[in-house]
């Protein structure tokens, strides 16, 4: 894996002004990982901010000082040389308030099946983003109102288009097949990827992991594959179903799960419960009551099979 900093001089950041900046994590099949260290899910500074942020956004998560979030290691090895050959590219947009790092587990699995995966942070609504210019924390306090959600979505769409524009300029461009690009996203990220694909023919397939699609009309054409994947426990299920009703996409249901089971919370929260650091009620509200290993396997299987069938 490698991290990449992007700037868009043509855009003003809607949250803080100035030039719009993004941070990416790019995961890719490696030729060898010998001698390259495993990356932590969060840097020490990111972990400190996340520890303060998490229990306010998700009541019931451990209070600061209880969990060493910076001790969680990914399976990505920093700077390892890529395996030669061009590979399909998948671009991920996280849920509102989440950082890109909470999509690590699914991204690693998709990469292990021969893809390059680009995780995108959206500074301003992400909990924390460590930029070369300093730490950015979220501008959101509580659930966004309709105007703020529209700003979030429009900003994310522009961010994703910037990433698509710059794929050929990234350090790992030689191993990316820009003719085979898919998008996937969770919650607000699912909303954003569908609307991005609506007007961008570079995108061959889209997976929406429980994102509302009632912000704009005609969110996706019927000429490109669309996965609409939701959980059985999400409190917004009625709105989800209503906003998806007229779409021709392939539908899938993750039973005994809740909204954040699509993220790394699906693995982390059950472990916290097993050590007594979160209650069963908190677990159910965040990720559901189903077996964590089986749920993770089902998410990986469904999303991986969808993109495998579309050659993206």
Protein backbone atom coordinates (compact mmCIF):
# COMPACT_ATOMS: atom_id res chain seq x y z
CA UNK A 1 0.00 0.00 0.00
CA UNK A 2 0.94 3.61 -0.55
CA UNK A 3 -0.63 6.89 0.52
CA UNK A 4 -1.14 9.72 -1.97
CA UNK A 5 -1.90 13.42 -1.46
CA UNK A 6 -3.96 15.18 -4.15
CA UNK A 7 -4.86 18.85 -4.56
CA UNK A 8 -7.45 20.46 -6.82
CA UNK A 9 -6.43 24.09 -7.47
CA UNK A 10 -9.63 24.58 -9.48
CA UNK A 11 -11.85 24.05 -6.41
CA UNK A 12 -12.32 25.83 -3.12
CA UNK A 13 -12.81 23.60 -0.11
CA UNK A 14 -16.46 24.11 0.95
CA UNK A 15 -15.73 23.53 4.64
CA UNK A 16 -12.62 25.63 5.36
CA UNK A 17 -11.83 27.52 2.16
CA UNK A 18 -8.54 27.29 0.30
CA UNK A 19 -7.47 24.66 -2.19
CA UNK A 20 -9.30 21.33 -1.94
CA UNK A 21 -7.03 18.53 -0.68
CA UNK A 22 -7.54 14.76 -0.58
CA UNK A 23 -5.72 11.81 0.91
CA UNK A 24 -5.79 8.39 -0.72
CA UNK A 25 -4.63 4.94 0.25
CA UNK A 26 -3.80 2.74 -2.74
CA UNK A 27 -3.73 -1.02 -2.19
CA UNK A 28 -2.28 -3.32 -4.85
CA UNK A 29 -1.00 -6.88 -5.26
CA UNK A 30 2.67 -6.91 -4.21
CA UNK A 31 5.56 -8.74 -5.83
CA UNK A 32 7.08 -9.25 -2.38
CA UNK A 33 6.46 -7.86 1.10
CA UNK A 34 9.74 -9.04 2.61
CA UNK A 35 11.46 -6.18 4.38
CA UNK A 36 8.42 -3.86 4.24
CA UNK A 37 6.53 -3.07 7.45
CA UNK A 38 2.81 -3.55 7.94
CA UNK A 39 0.83 -0.33 8.01
CA UNK A 40 -1.25 0.60 11.06
CA UNK A 41 -4.91 1.31 10.37
CA UNK A 42 -4.44 4.76 11.94
CA UNK A 43 -1.30 6.81 12.52
CA UNK A 44 -0.68 7.81 16.16
CA UNK A 45 -2.11 11.30 15.59
CA UNK A 46 -5.14 9.94 13.72
CA UNK A 47 -5.75 7.38 16.46
CA UNK A 48 -5.74 10.08 19.14
CA UNK A 49 -8.35 12.14 17.26
CA UNK A 50 -10.47 9.08 16.48
CA UNK A 51 -10.48 8.03 20.15
CA UNK A 52 -12.04 11.38 21.06
CA UNK A 53 -14.46 11.38 18.13
CA UNK A 54 -15.83 7.81 18.16
CA UNK A 55 -17.95 7.77 21.37
CA UNK A 56 -19.60 11.09 20.47
CA UNK A 57 -20.69 9.95 17.01
CA UNK A 58 -21.49 6.39 18.07
CA UNK A 59 -22.61 6.46 21.73
CA UNK A 60 -21.49 3.32 23.49
CA UNK A 61 -18.06 3.05 21.89
CA UNK A 62 -15.23 3.14 24.44
CA UNK A 63 -14.21 6.45 25.97
CA UNK A 64 -10.78 7.98 25.15
CA UNK A 65 -7.89 6.19 26.84
CA UNK A 66 -9.70 2.84 26.89
CA UNK A 67 -8.64 1.44 23.50
CA UNK A 68 -5.32 1.84 21.71
CA UNK A 69 -6.75 2.40 18.23
CA UNK A 70 -3.26 2.96 16.85
CA UNK A 71 -2.30 -0.64 17.66
CA UNK A 72 -4.56 -2.10 14.94
CA UNK A 73 -2.42 -3.32 12.03
CA UNK A 74 -3.59 -3.79 8.46
CA UNK A 75 -2.31 -6.46 6.07
CA UNK A 76 -0.86 -3.78 3.78
CA UNK A 77 2.92 -3.42 3.60
CA UNK A 78 4.07 0.17 3.13
CA UNK A 79 5.79 0.77 -0.20
CA UNK A 80 6.12 -2.88 -1.23
CA UNK A 81 6.87 -3.26 -4.97
CA UNK A 82 3.78 -3.98 -7.10
CA UNK A 83 3.27 -7.21 -8.95
CA UNK A 84 3.74 -6.45 -12.67
CA UNK A 85 0.72 -6.22 -14.95
CA UNK A 86 -2.27 -3.93 -15.35
CA UNK A 87 -5.22 -4.55 -13.05
CA UNK A 88 -8.81 -3.33 -12.71
CA UNK A 89 -9.26 -0.33 -10.40
CA UNK A 90 -11.90 0.06 -7.69
CA UNK A 91 -12.41 3.42 -5.95
CA UNK A 92 -14.04 3.56 -2.49
CA UNK A 93 -15.91 6.41 -0.80
CA UNK A 94 -16.57 5.90 2.95
CA UNK A 95 -19.67 6.78 4.91
CA UNK A 96 -20.35 10.26 6.20
CA UNK A 97 -18.17 10.99 9.21
CA UNK A 98 -15.94 7.97 8.53
CA UNK A 99 -12.36 8.07 7.36
CA UNK A 100 -11.10 5.95 4.48
CA UNK A 101 -9.28 3.63 6.90
CA UNK A 102 -12.58 2.13 8.08
CA UNK A 103 -12.90 0.46 4.67
CA UNK A 104 -9.59 -1.39 4.95
CA UNK A 105 -10.76 -4.99 5.42
CA UNK A 106 -13.00 -5.16 2.35
CA UNK A 107 -10.40 -3.31 0.29
CA UNK A 108 -7.69 -5.80 1.27
CA UNK A 109 -9.88 -8.70 0.19
CA UNK A 110 -10.68 -7.06 -3.15
CA UNK A 111 -6.98 -6.40 -3.69
CA UNK A 112 -6.10 -10.00 -2.87
CA UNK A 113 -8.21 -11.02 -5.87
CA UNK A 114 -6.10 -9.02 -8.30
CA UNK A 115 -7.40 -5.45 -8.20
CA UNK A 116 -5.98 -2.08 -7.33
CA UNK A 117 -8.19 -0.39 -4.71
CA UNK A 118 -8.13 3.34 -4.01
CA UNK A 119 -9.57 4.45 -0.66
CA UNK A 120 -10.59 8.14 -0.72
CA UNK A 121 -10.82 10.45 2.28
CA UNK A 122 -13.18 13.43 2.07
CA UNK A 123 -11.76 16.09 4.43
CA UNK A 124 -14.43 18.10 6.18
CA UNK A 125 -16.90 15.34 6.85
CA UNK A 126 -14.41 12.55 7.64
CA UNK A 127 -13.69 12.17 11.35
CA UNK A 128 -10.01 12.90 10.82
CA UNK A 129 -7.66 13.17 7.85
CA UNK A 130 -3.93 13.62 8.30
CA UNK A 131 -2.82 15.86 5.45
CA UNK A 132 0.72 17.11 4.76
CA UNK A 133 -0.63 20.53 5.78
CA UNK A 134 -1.91 19.21 9.13
CA UNK A 135 -4.78 17.29 10.72
CA UNK A 136 -8.29 18.01 9.47
CA UNK A 137 -11.18 17.06 11.73
CA UNK A 138 -14.85 16.77 10.89
CA UNK A 139 -17.03 19.82 10.42
CA UNK A 140 -20.14 17.76 11.22
CA UNK A 141 -21.87 17.85 14.57
CA UNK A 142 -24.63 15.26 14.62
CA UNK A 143 -26.52 14.00 11.57
CA UNK A 144 -26.32 16.43 8.63
CA UNK A 145 -29.36 18.52 7.69
CA UNK A 146 -30.54 18.29 4.05
CA UNK A 147 -28.45 21.27 2.91
CA UNK A 148 -25.30 19.91 4.56
CA UNK A 149 -25.91 16.45 3.12
CA UNK A 150 -26.19 17.98 -0.34
CA UNK A 151 -22.91 19.83 0.19
CA UNK A 152 -21.32 16.57 1.35
CA UNK A 153 -22.56 14.68 -1.68
CA UNK A 154 -21.64 17.34 -4.22
CA UNK A 155 -18.16 17.63 -2.69
CA UNK A 156 -17.70 13.87 -2.73
CA UNK A 157 -18.78 13.65 -6.37
CA UNK A 158 -16.20 16.29 -7.29
CA UNK A 159 -13.57 14.47 -5.20
CA UNK A 160 -14.26 11.18 -6.97
CA UNK A 161 -14.07 12.81 -10.38
CA UNK A 162 -10.71 14.30 -9.41
CA UNK A 163 -9.45 10.83 -8.49
CA UNK A 164 -10.67 9.44 -11.82
CA UNK A 165 -8.99 12.33 -13.63
CA UNK A 166 -5.69 11.69 -11.85
CA UNK A 167 -5.46 7.90 -12.03
CA UNK A 168 -2.96 8.18 -14.85
CA UNK A 169 -0.74 10.49 -12.78
CA UNK A 170 -0.57 8.39 -9.62
CA UNK A 171 2.72 6.66 -8.75
CA UNK A 172 1.04 3.29 -9.31
CA UNK A 173 -0.50 4.20 -12.67
CA UNK A 174 1.61 1.57 -14.53
CA UNK A 175 -0.30 -1.24 -12.75
CA UNK A 176 -3.76 0.34 -13.17
CA UNK A 177 -6.04 -0.49 -16.08
CA UNK A 178 -7.99 2.78 -16.41
CA UNK A 179 -10.33 1.12 -18.95
CA UNK A 180 -11.71 -1.10 -16.15
CA UNK A 181 -12.85 1.12 -13.28
CA UNK A 182 -15.53 0.48 -10.70
CA UNK A 183 -16.80 2.56 -7.79
CA UNK A 184 -18.15 1.40 -4.45
CA UNK A 185 -19.17 3.28 -1.35
CA UNK A 186 -20.87 2.98 2.01
CA UNK A 187 -23.78 5.15 3.20
CA UNK A 188 -23.04 8.73 2.01
CA UNK A 189 -20.26 7.19 -0.03
CA UNK A 190 -22.76 4.86 -1.68
CA UNK A 191 -24.89 7.88 -2.55
CA UNK A 192 -21.88 9.68 -4.01
CA UNK A 193 -20.57 6.83 -6.16
CA UNK A 194 -23.94 6.24 -7.82
CA UNK A 195 -24.37 9.91 -8.72
CA UNK A 196 -20.76 10.11 -9.89
CA UNK A 197 -21.30 7.20 -12.27
CA UNK A 198 -24.51 8.75 -13.64
CA UNK A 199 -22.57 11.28 -15.69
CA UNK A 200 -19.17 9.61 -16.05
CA UNK A 201 -18.72 6.96 -18.71
CA UNK A 202 -15.32 5.97 -17.32
CA UNK A 203 -17.12 4.00 -14.60
CA UNK A 204 -18.07 0.48 -15.61
CA UNK A 205 -19.88 -0.77 -12.49
CA UNK A 206 -21.07 0.61 -9.13
CA UNK A 207 -21.76 -0.95 -5.72
CA UNK A 208 -23.90 1.04 -3.28
CA UNK A 209 -23.63 -0.24 0.29
CA UNK A 210 -26.74 1.21 1.92
CA UNK A 211 -26.68 4.79 0.61
CA UNK A 212 -29.82 6.87 -0.01
CA UNK A 213 -30.59 7.70 -3.65
CA UNK A 214 -33.29 10.36 -3.35
CA UNK A 215 -31.07 13.44 -3.58
CA UNK A 216 -31.31 13.94 -7.34
CA UNK A 217 -33.52 12.39 -10.04
CA UNK A 218 -32.38 9.47 -12.19
CA UNK A 219 -29.36 8.47 -10.12
CA UNK A 220 -28.12 5.75 -12.46
CA UNK A 221 -28.62 4.60 -16.00
CA UNK A 222 -29.76 1.08 -16.76
CA UNK A 223 -26.83 0.47 -19.07
CA UNK A 224 -24.26 -0.19 -16.32
CA UNK A 225 -24.32 -2.78 -13.53
CA UNK A 226 -25.43 -1.55 -10.12
CA UNK A 227 -25.32 -3.45 -6.82
CA UNK A 228 -27.77 -2.26 -4.15
CA UNK A 229 -26.71 -3.93 -0.91
CA UNK A 230 -28.40 -3.22 2.43
CA UNK A 231 -28.64 -4.63 5.94
CA UNK A 232 -31.66 -6.04 7.73
CA UNK A 233 -31.32 -3.83 10.79
CA UNK A 234 -30.78 -0.31 9.45
CA UNK A 235 -33.27 2.19 10.87
CA UNK A 236 -33.37 4.01 7.53
CA UNK A 237 -34.53 0.91 5.65
CA UNK A 238 -37.87 2.42 4.55
CA UNK A 239 -36.16 5.42 2.99
CA UNK A 240 -33.54 3.17 1.39
CA UNK A 241 -36.19 0.96 -0.20
CA UNK A 242 -38.19 3.94 -1.39
CA UNK A 243 -35.18 5.60 -2.99
CA UNK A 244 -34.11 2.36 -4.68
CA UNK A 245 -37.59 1.30 -5.84
CA UNK A 246 -37.33 2.36 -9.49
CA UNK A 247 -33.73 1.29 -10.06
CA UNK A 248 -32.80 -1.76 -12.16
CA UNK A 249 -29.84 -2.79 -10.00
CA UNK A 250 -29.06 -6.15 -8.47
CA UNK A 251 -30.26 -6.27 -4.84
CA UNK A 252 -28.71 -8.09 -1.88
CA UNK A 253 -29.60 -8.22 1.82
CA UNK A 254 -27.18 -8.70 4.70
CA UNK A 255 -29.36 -10.38 7.32
CA UNK A 256 -28.79 -10.02 11.09
CA UNK A 257 -26.57 -7.01 10.40
CA UNK A 258 -26.74 -3.26 10.83
CA UNK A 259 -25.44 -0.26 8.91
CA UNK A 260 -21.76 -0.28 9.89
CA UNK A 261 -21.27 -4.00 9.27
CA UNK A 262 -20.04 -2.96 5.82
CA UNK A 263 -17.06 -1.22 7.48
CA UNK A 264 -14.25 -2.30 9.78
CA UNK A 265 -16.58 -1.70 12.70
CA UNK A 266 -18.04 -5.07 11.70
CA UNK A 267 -14.80 -6.72 12.86
CA UNK A 268 -13.76 -4.33 15.63
CA UNK A 269 -17.01 -3.90 17.58
CA UNK A 270 -17.63 -7.63 18.25
CA UNK A 271 -14.07 -7.90 19.59
CA UNK A 272 -14.70 -4.92 21.86
CA UNK A 273 -17.90 -6.58 23.08
CA UNK A 274 -16.07 -9.83 23.81
CA UNK A 275 -13.73 -7.95 26.16
CA UNK A 276 -16.57 -6.08 27.86
CA UNK A 277 -15.78 -2.69 26.35
CA UNK A 278 -19.10 -2.31 24.52
CA UNK A 279 -22.53 -3.68 25.35
CA UNK A 280 -24.63 -6.07 23.30
CA UNK A 281 -27.03 -3.17 22.61
CA UNK A 282 -24.21 -1.04 21.19
CA UNK A 283 -23.09 -3.91 19.01
CA UNK A 284 -26.61 -4.49 17.70
CA UNK A 285 -27.09 -0.78 16.94
CA UNK A 286 -23.85 -0.54 15.01
CA UNK A 287 -23.21 -3.84 13.27
CA UNK A 288 -26.09 -6.17 14.20
CA UNK A 289 -26.26 -9.43 16.07
CA UNK A 290 -25.01 -11.84 13.42
CA UNK A 291 -21.76 -13.79 13.58
CA UNK A 292 -19.00 -11.31 12.74
CA UNK A 293 -16.87 -13.76 10.74
CA UNK A 294 -19.83 -14.93 8.64
CA UNK A 295 -21.01 -11.35 8.05
CA UNK A 296 -17.57 -10.20 6.89
CA UNK A 297 -17.31 -13.22 4.58
CA UNK A 298 -20.72 -12.45 3.07
CA UNK A 299 -19.82 -8.80 2.41
CA UNK A 300 -16.58 -9.85 0.75
CA UNK A 301 -18.27 -12.54 -1.29
CA UNK A 302 -21.12 -10.38 -2.56
CA UNK A 303 -19.05 -7.32 -3.44
CA UNK A 304 -16.18 -9.35 -4.88
CA UNK A 305 -18.45 -11.51 -7.03
CA UNK A 306 -20.33 -8.46 -8.32
CA UNK A 307 -17.18 -6.78 -9.62
CA UNK A 308 -15.66 -10.08 -10.83
CA UNK A 309 -18.67 -10.66 -13.09
CA UNK A 310 -18.25 -7.17 -14.55
CA UNK A 311 -14.48 -7.45 -15.08
CA UNK A 312 -13.92 -4.36 -12.92
